[in-house]
Amino acid sequence: MSQKVYTLADVKVHTNDKSCWLVVHGKVYDVTAFLEEHPGGYDIILSSTGKDATQDFEEIGHSNSAKKLLEKYLIGDFEGGDSAPTAAQVPPQSRNTQKQQKQKDAATRTFHVILPLLILLVALALNFYFSRR
């Protein structure tokens, strides 16, 4: 039995957290149920909707288990086929840039958590010091 074939117009209707479809390697996936579980956050997935997301998917460097997990959400084929390059076709410097960006984003998120805690600790220490005088 052949799978349903979806057009770009079909895919563009499903670009939000209530109905989220991705096109990867010529296949269409309904990943709505996975949005909250995605380790990188659902915003990353939503930014790849409404288009062929193969290059976005491959540039991140997903593990084999992540690729296998994607199969669970397969709903059909994409009318345009597989037009984006595979990981082997993406230049290594592009993959490195993505990895560096993810590391910078993680460092920024960590900084946004640690800085307020550090300010709070300094304020408490000053309060303790001046209340003793």
C-alpha atoms as a PDB file:
ATOM      1  CA  MET A   1       0.000   0.000   0.000  1.00  0.00           C
ATOM      2  CA  SER A   2       1.448   3.359  -1.009  1.00  0.00           C
ATOM      3  CA  GLN A   3       1.624   6.222   1.432  1.00  0.00           C
ATOM      4  CA  LYS A   4      -0.291   9.454   1.066  1.00  0.00           C
ATOM      5  CA  VAL A   5       1.582  12.146  -0.842  1.00  0.00           C
ATOM      6  CA  TYR A   6       1.569  15.648   0.625  1.00  0.00           C
ATOM      7  CA  THR A   7       2.282  18.902  -1.193  1.00  0.00           C
ATOM      8  CA  LEU A   8       4.128  21.952   0.103  1.00  0.00           C
ATOM      9  CA  ALA A   9       0.739  23.647   0.486  1.00  0.00           C
ATOM     10  CA  ASP A  10      -0.396  20.770   2.739  1.00  0.00           C
ATOM     11  CA  VAL A  11       2.725  21.047   4.875  1.00  0.00           C
ATOM     12  CA  LYS A  12       2.490  24.844   5.222  1.00  0.00           C
ATOM     13  CA  VAL A  13      -0.836  24.490   7.043  1.00  0.00           C
ATOM     14  CA  HIS A  14       0.840  22.547   9.882  1.00  0.00           C
ATOM     15  CA  THR A  15       3.387  25.000  11.282  1.00  0.00           C
ATOM     16  CA  ASN A  16       2.376  25.525  14.901  1.00  0.00           C
ATOM     17  CA  ASP A  17       2.420  23.730  18.238  1.00  0.00           C
ATOM     18  CA  LYS A  18      -1.123  22.387  17.696  1.00  0.00           C
ATOM     19  CA  SER A  19      -0.220  20.694  14.409  1.00  0.00           C
ATOM     20  CA  CYS A  20       3.437  20.445  13.447  1.00  0.00           C
ATOM     21  CA  TRP A  21       4.650  18.637  10.332  1.00  0.00           C
ATOM     22  CA  LEU A  22       8.228  18.293   9.120  1.00  0.00           C
ATOM     23  CA  VAL A  23       9.566  17.291   5.718  1.00  0.00           C
ATOM     24  CA  VAL A  24      12.830  15.346   5.988  1.00  0.00           C
ATOM     25  CA  HIS A  25      14.389  13.334   3.141  1.00  0.00           C
ATOM     26  CA  GLY A  26      11.215  13.351   1.060  1.00  0.00           C
ATOM     27  CA  LYS A  27       9.009  12.100   3.891  1.00  0.00           C
ATOM     28  CA  VAL A  28       6.372  13.977   5.899  1.00  0.00           C
ATOM     29  CA  TYR A  29       6.271  13.559   9.678  1.00  0.00           C
ATOM     30  CA  ASP A  30       3.648  14.749  12.153  1.00  0.00           C
ATOM     31  CA  VAL A  31       5.867  15.580  15.142  1.00  0.00           C
ATOM     32  CA  THR A  32       3.229  17.460  17.152  1.00  0.00           C
ATOM     33  CA  ALA A  33       3.292  14.889  19.968  1.00  0.00           C
ATOM     34  CA  PHE A  34       7.099  15.128  20.147  1.00  0.00           C
ATOM     35  CA  LEU A  35       7.402  18.920  20.470  1.00  0.00           C
ATOM     36  CA  GLU A  36       7.539  19.006  24.271  1.00  0.00           C
ATOM     37  CA  GLU A  37      10.014  16.107  24.386  1.00  0.00           C
ATOM     38  CA  HIS A  38      12.539  17.547  21.917  1.00  0.00           C
ATOM     39  CA  PRO A  39      15.837  18.118  23.774  1.00  0.00           C
ATOM     40  CA  GLY A  40      16.547  21.329  21.885  1.00  0.00           C
ATOM     41  CA  GLY A  41      13.097  22.779  22.567  1.00  0.00           C
ATOM     42  CA  TYR A  42      10.069  23.002  20.342  1.00  0.00           C
ATOM     43  CA  ASP A  43      11.054  26.371  18.835  1.00  0.00           C
ATOM     44  CA  ILE A  44      13.824  24.708  16.865  1.00  0.00           C
ATOM     45  CA  ILE A  45      11.351  22.296  15.300  1.00  0.00           C
ATOM     46  CA  LEU A  46       8.784  25.013  14.595  1.00  0.00           C
ATOM     47  CA  SER A  47      11.433  27.079  12.777  1.00  0.00           C
ATOM     48  CA  SER A  48      11.861  24.214  10.300  1.00  0.00           C
ATOM     49  CA  THR A  49       8.186  23.766   9.409  1.00  0.00           C
ATOM     50  CA  GLY A  50       6.532  24.788   6.156  1.00  0.00           C
ATOM     51  CA  LYS A  51       9.541  23.809   4.049  1.00  0.00           C
ATOM     52  CA  ASP A  52      11.899  20.922   3.328  1.00  0.00           C
ATOM     53  CA  ALA A  53      13.738  20.645   6.667  1.00  0.00           C
ATOM     54  CA  THR A  54      16.249  18.003   5.569  1.00  0.00           C
ATOM     55  CA  GLN A  55      19.227  20.350   5.637  1.00  0.00           C
ATOM     56  CA  ASP A  56      18.226  21.748   9.047  1.00  0.00           C
ATOM     57  CA  PHE A  57      17.831  18.195  10.363  1.00  0.00           C
ATOM     58  CA  GLU A  58      21.189  17.001   9.013  1.00  0.00           C
ATOM     59  CA  GLU A  59      23.185  20.099  10.021  1.00  0.00           C
ATOM     60  CA  ILE A  60      22.318  19.561  13.671  1.00  0.00           C
ATOM     61  CA  GLY A  61      23.909  16.119  13.516  1.00  0.00           C
ATOM     62  CA  HIS A  62      21.109  14.009  14.973  1.00  0.00           C
ATOM     63  CA  SER A  63      22.044  10.608  16.360  1.00  0.00           C
ATOM     64  CA  ASN A  64      20.951   7.364  14.747  1.00  0.00           C
ATOM     65  CA  SER A  65      18.440   6.850  17.560  1.00  0.00           C
ATOM     66  CA  ALA A  66      16.920  10.282  16.831  1.00  0.00           C
ATOM     67  CA  LYS A  67      16.620   9.355  13.158  1.00  0.00           C
ATOM     68  CA  LYS A  68      14.988   6.071  14.104  1.00  0.00           C
ATOM     69  CA  LEU A  69      12.588   7.871  16.461  1.00  0.00           C
ATOM     70  CA  LEU A  70      11.486  10.092  13.572  1.00  0.00           C
ATOM     71  CA  GLU A  71      10.102   7.025  11.769  1.00  0.00           C
ATOM     72  CA  LYS A  72       7.444   6.739  14.479  1.00  0.00           C
ATOM     73  CA  TYR A  73       5.884  10.005  13.250  1.00  0.00           C
ATOM     74  CA  LEU A  74       5.869   9.224   9.489  1.00  0.00           C
ATOM     75  CA  ILE A  75       2.538  10.086   7.828  1.00  0.00           C
ATOM     76  CA  GLY A  76       3.438  10.098   4.121  1.00  0.00           C
ATOM     77  CA  ASP A  77       5.668  11.144   1.256  1.00  0.00           C
ATOM     78  CA  PHE A  78       6.505  14.674   0.125  1.00  0.00           C
ATOM     79  CA  GLU A  79       5.505  15.590  -3.413  1.00  0.00           C
ATOM     80  CA  GLY A  80       8.818  17.407  -3.971  1.00  0.00           C
ATOM     81  CA  GLY A  81      10.869  14.348  -3.036  1.00  0.00           C
ATOM     82  CA  ASP A  82      14.195  14.566  -1.228  1.00  0.00           C
ATOM     83  CA  SER A  83      15.741  17.800  -2.463  1.00  0.00           C
ATOM     84  CA  ALA A  84      18.060  18.711   0.409  1.00  0.00           C
ATOM     85  CA  PRO A  85      21.608  17.367   0.810  1.00  0.00           C
ATOM     86  CA  THR A  86      22.450  14.511   3.126  1.00  0.00           C
ATOM     87  CA  ALA A  87      24.900  14.901   6.006  1.00  0.00           C
ATOM     88  CA  ALA A  88      27.708  13.648   3.779  1.00  0.00           C
ATOM     89  CA  GLN A  89      26.964  16.459   1.298  1.00  0.00           C
ATOM     90  CA  VAL A  90      26.908  19.227   3.920  1.00  0.00           C
ATOM     91  CA  PRO A  91      30.368  20.784   4.225  1.00  0.00           C
ATOM     92  CA  PRO A  92      32.093  19.939   7.544  1.00  0.00           C
ATOM     93  CA  GLN A  93      32.588  23.630   8.376  1.00  0.00           C
ATOM     94  CA  SER A  94      28.803  24.116   8.207  1.00  0.00           C
ATOM     95  CA  ARG A  95      28.250  21.253  10.661  1.00  0.00           C
ATOM     96  CA  ASN A  96      30.955  22.684  12.939  1.00  0.00           C
ATOM     97  CA  THR A  97      29.341  26.118  12.839  1.00  0.00           C
ATOM     98  CA  GLN A  98      26.015  24.618  13.929  1.00  0.00           C
ATOM     99  CA  LYS A  99      27.723  22.731  16.752  1.00  0.00           C
ATOM    100  CA  GLN A 100      29.530  25.880  17.889  1.00  0.00           C
ATOM    101  CA  GLN A 101      26.264  27.818  17.821  1.00  0.00           C
ATOM    102  CA  LYS A 102      24.565  25.178  19.975  1.00  0.00           C
ATOM    103  CA  GLN A 103      27.444  25.384  22.453  1.00  0.00           C
ATOM    104  CA  LYS A 104      27.196  29.188  22.569  1.00  0.00           C
ATOM    105  CA  ASP A 105      23.429  28.951  23.111  1.00  0.00           C
ATOM    106  CA  ALA A 106      23.925  26.495  25.971  1.00  0.00           C
ATOM    107  CA  ALA A 107      26.539  28.760  27.553  1.00  0.00           C
ATOM    108  CA  THR A 108      24.208  31.741  27.249  1.00  0.00           C
ATOM    109  CA  ARG A 109      21.337  29.838  28.877  1.00  0.00           C
ATOM    110  CA  THR A 110      23.654  28.764  31.696  1.00  0.00           C
ATOM    111  CA  PHE A 111      24.830  32.350  32.165  1.00  0.00           C
ATOM    112  CA  HIS A 112      21.213  33.532  32.363  1.00  0.00           C
ATOM    113  CA  VAL A 113      20.619  31.123  35.238  1.00  0.00           C
ATOM    114  CA  ILE A 114      23.871  31.601  37.130  1.00  0.00           C
ATOM    115  CA  LEU A 115      24.030  35.411  36.990  1.00  0.00           C
ATOM    116  CA  PRO A 116      20.735  36.019  38.876  1.00  0.00           C
ATOM    117  CA  LEU A 117      21.725  33.420  41.473  1.00  0.00           C
ATOM    118  CA  LEU A 118      25.089  35.085  41.927  1.00  0.00           C
ATOM    119  CA  ILE A 119      23.449  38.505  42.361  1.00  0.00           C
ATOM    120  CA  LEU A 120      21.050  37.032  44.912  1.00  0.00           C
ATOM    121  CA  LEU A 121      23.917  35.472  46.877  1.00  0.00           C
ATOM    122  CA  VAL A 122      25.847  38.763  46.929  1.00  0.00           C
ATOM    123  CA  ALA A 123      22.730  40.625  48.075  1.00  0.00           C
ATOM    124  CA  LEU A 124      22.154  38.088  50.876  1.00  0.00           C
ATOM    125  CA  ALA A 125      25.789  38.286  51.946  1.00  0.00           C
ATOM    126  CA  LEU A 126      25.690  42.092  52.037  1.00  0.00           C
ATOM    127  CA  ASN A 127      22.418  42.017  53.951  1.00  0.00           C
ATOM    128  CA  PHE A 128      23.906  39.610  56.489  1.00  0.00           C
ATOM    129  CA  TYR A 129      27.100  41.671  56.792  1.00  0.00           C
ATOM    130  CA  PHE A 130      25.355  45.011  57.308  1.00  0.00           C
ATOM    131  CA  SER A 131      22.694  43.615  59.655  1.00  0.00           C
ATOM    132  CA  ARG A 132      25.488  42.434  61.997  1.00  0.00           C
ATOM    133  CA  ARG A 133      27.046  45.924  62.286  1.00  0.00           C
END
